[in-house]
Amino acid sequence: MTLKQLIKLENRAKEVWVISPTLHYDVENKEFSELVSVNLGERTKYKYIVPATAQVEKNIGLFKKKYNLTDLDIAVNFLILPASEFNPFLMEIAIYNASTECIACAAPATDDGNEEVIVFKQDTAKAMAKSFTTLWKRYKRVRP
């Protein structure tokens, strides 16, 4: 799958769960940030799991300003976990419509000129969605 195909998938999604080491696509990539802006206006539900790093803290501030969100919006839609030594090696993963079709994709954490996106098999996508839900419930004490 290409990034352009991924944008089309996200445009059709009703819910998007993102695991991101940097929040790059949502705040620094023009095509994705325009899409997120439109989707938020159309009530697409976004949930994020991110590490507590200086870069993510800065990008959450940009995210909040860019999409005109409140502190409560950030608190409800972001799960911020302790940073790890693995963060520089992680890819961004998005899970689309976890409760229905459940499609999971991965891309480099930042634009590196690679237009290819990994699409995981259905069983892997469902396992990722289950793990996302488990983490979210453990820390937020509600279902995503």
Protein backbone atom coordinates (compact mmCIF):
# COMPACT_ATOMS: atom_id res chain seq x y z
CA MET A 1 0.00 0.00 0.00
CA THR A 2 1.21 3.54 -0.67
CA LEU A 3 0.82 6.60 1.54
CA LYS A 4 -1.78 7.94 -0.90
CA GLN A 5 -3.81 4.74 -0.52
CA LEU A 6 -3.42 4.99 3.26
CA ILE A 7 -4.80 8.53 3.16
CA LYS A 8 -7.86 7.23 1.30
CA LEU A 9 -8.31 4.50 3.91
CA GLU A 10 -8.07 7.02 6.76
CA ASN A 11 -10.49 9.33 4.97
CA ARG A 12 -13.14 6.56 5.02
CA ALA A 13 -12.49 5.49 8.63
CA LYS A 14 -14.88 6.23 11.49
CA GLU A 15 -12.24 5.52 14.12
CA VAL A 16 -8.45 5.67 13.96
CA TRP A 17 -6.13 4.37 16.67
CA VAL A 18 -2.55 5.57 16.32
CA ILE A 19 0.62 4.35 18.04
CA SER A 20 3.27 6.92 17.25
CA PRO A 21 6.77 7.57 18.53
CA THR A 22 6.65 11.22 17.35
CA LEU A 23 3.17 12.30 16.09
CA HIS A 24 4.96 13.32 12.91
CA TYR A 25 2.20 12.56 10.41
CA ASP A 26 -0.52 14.31 12.40
CA VAL A 27 1.36 17.57 12.91
CA GLU A 28 4.18 17.78 10.34
CA ASN A 29 2.89 16.00 7.22
CA LYS A 30 0.69 18.39 5.23
CA GLU A 31 -1.53 15.74 3.59
CA PHE A 32 -2.19 13.85 6.81
CA SER A 33 -2.70 16.94 8.95
CA GLU A 34 -5.27 18.30 6.49
CA LEU A 35 -7.03 14.93 6.56
CA VAL A 36 -7.02 14.79 10.38
CA SER A 37 -8.47 18.30 10.47
CA VAL A 38 -11.31 17.34 8.12
CA ASN A 39 -11.92 14.02 9.89
CA LEU A 40 -12.08 15.64 13.33
CA GLY A 41 -14.67 18.04 11.93
CA GLU A 42 -16.65 15.06 10.66
CA ARG A 43 -16.46 13.37 14.09
CA THR A 44 -13.96 10.65 13.20
CA LYS A 45 -12.70 9.31 16.53
CA TYR A 46 -8.94 9.45 17.01
CA LYS A 47 -7.07 7.80 19.91
CA TYR A 48 -3.30 8.02 20.35
CA ILE A 49 -0.70 6.10 22.32
CA VAL A 50 2.54 8.05 22.44
CA PRO A 51 5.73 8.12 24.53
CA ALA A 52 6.45 10.86 27.06
CA THR A 53 9.33 12.49 25.17
CA ALA A 54 10.20 16.15 24.66
CA GLN A 55 9.43 15.83 20.94
CA VAL A 56 6.00 14.32 21.58
CA GLU A 57 5.23 16.95 24.22
CA LYS A 58 6.07 19.67 21.68
CA ASN A 59 4.00 17.94 18.98
CA ILE A 60 1.00 17.51 21.31
CA GLY A 61 1.13 21.28 21.84
CA LEU A 62 1.18 21.79 18.05
CA PHE A 63 -1.62 19.20 17.66
CA LYS A 64 -3.75 20.99 20.25
CA LYS A 65 -3.23 24.38 18.58
CA LYS A 66 -3.57 23.10 14.98
CA TYR A 67 -6.88 21.34 15.62
CA ASN A 68 -8.21 23.84 18.20
CA LEU A 69 -8.52 21.26 20.97
CA THR A 70 -8.82 21.68 24.72
CA ASP A 71 -6.72 20.15 27.47
CA LEU A 72 -9.67 17.83 28.13
CA ASP A 73 -9.69 16.69 24.47
CA ILE A 74 -6.00 15.82 24.79
CA ALA A 75 -6.50 14.04 28.12
CA VAL A 76 -9.36 11.95 26.74
CA ASN A 77 -7.78 11.04 23.39
CA PHE A 78 -4.10 10.57 24.28
CA LEU A 79 -2.45 7.88 26.37
CA ILE A 80 1.07 9.03 27.16
CA LEU A 81 3.34 6.22 28.30
CA PRO A 82 6.89 6.34 29.66
CA ALA A 83 9.54 6.73 26.97
CA SER A 84 11.68 3.75 26.00
CA GLU A 85 15.07 3.21 24.45
CA PHE A 86 13.14 1.56 21.59
CA ASN A 87 11.41 4.77 20.50
CA PRO A 88 13.96 5.71 17.79
CA PHE A 89 13.43 2.31 16.13
CA LEU A 90 9.64 2.24 16.17
CA MET A 91 7.36 2.76 13.22
CA GLU A 92 4.03 4.55 13.36
CA ILE A 93 1.10 2.15 13.42
CA ALA A 94 -2.51 3.04 12.71
CA ILE A 95 -5.49 0.76 13.29
CA TYR A 96 -8.58 1.66 11.32
CA ASN A 97 -12.12 0.78 12.40
CA ALA A 98 -10.96 -1.75 15.00
CA SER A 99 -14.48 -2.78 15.93
CA THR A 100 -15.53 -3.51 12.34
CA GLU A 101 -13.08 -4.21 9.51
CA CYS A 102 -9.90 -3.79 11.62
CA ILE A 103 -7.08 -2.81 9.27
CA ALA A 104 -3.61 -2.15 10.70
CA CYS A 105 -0.83 -0.39 8.80
CA ALA A 106 2.72 0.72 9.60
CA ALA A 107 4.89 3.46 8.13
CA PRO A 108 8.23 5.02 9.09
CA ALA A 109 7.90 7.34 12.09
CA THR A 110 8.86 10.30 9.88
CA ASP A 111 8.76 11.01 6.17
CA ASP A 112 11.80 9.34 4.68
CA GLY A 113 10.74 9.39 1.04
CA ASN A 114 9.46 5.84 1.23
CA GLU A 115 5.93 5.76 -0.12
CA GLU A 116 5.32 2.12 0.86
CA VAL A 117 3.17 1.24 3.85
CA ILE A 118 3.00 -2.18 5.49
CA VAL A 119 -0.51 -3.63 5.75
CA PHE A 120 -0.75 -6.38 8.35
CA LYS A 121 -2.75 -9.56 7.97
CA GLN A 122 -6.19 -9.60 9.59
CA ASP A 123 -5.11 -11.77 12.55
CA THR A 124 -2.18 -9.46 13.29
CA ALA A 125 -4.40 -6.37 12.98
CA LYS A 126 -6.90 -7.84 15.44
CA ALA A 127 -4.10 -8.76 17.86
CA MET A 128 -2.77 -5.18 17.64
CA ALA A 129 -6.27 -3.78 18.26
CA LYS A 130 -6.65 -6.07 21.27
CA SER A 131 -3.28 -4.91 22.65
CA PHE A 132 -4.24 -1.27 22.06
CA THR A 133 -7.53 -1.81 23.91
CA THR A 134 -5.78 -3.58 26.79
CA LEU A 135 -3.27 -0.75 27.25
CA TRP A 136 -5.93 1.91 26.92
CA LYS A 137 -8.18 0.22 29.50
CA ARG A 138 -5.28 -0.34 31.91
CA TYR A 139 -4.30 3.34 31.99
CA LYS A 140 -7.47 5.19 31.02
CA ARG A 141 -9.89 2.71 32.66
CA VAL A 142 -12.31 3.05 29.75
CA ARG A 143 -12.57 1.43 26.34
CA PRO A 144 -11.05 3.45 23.48
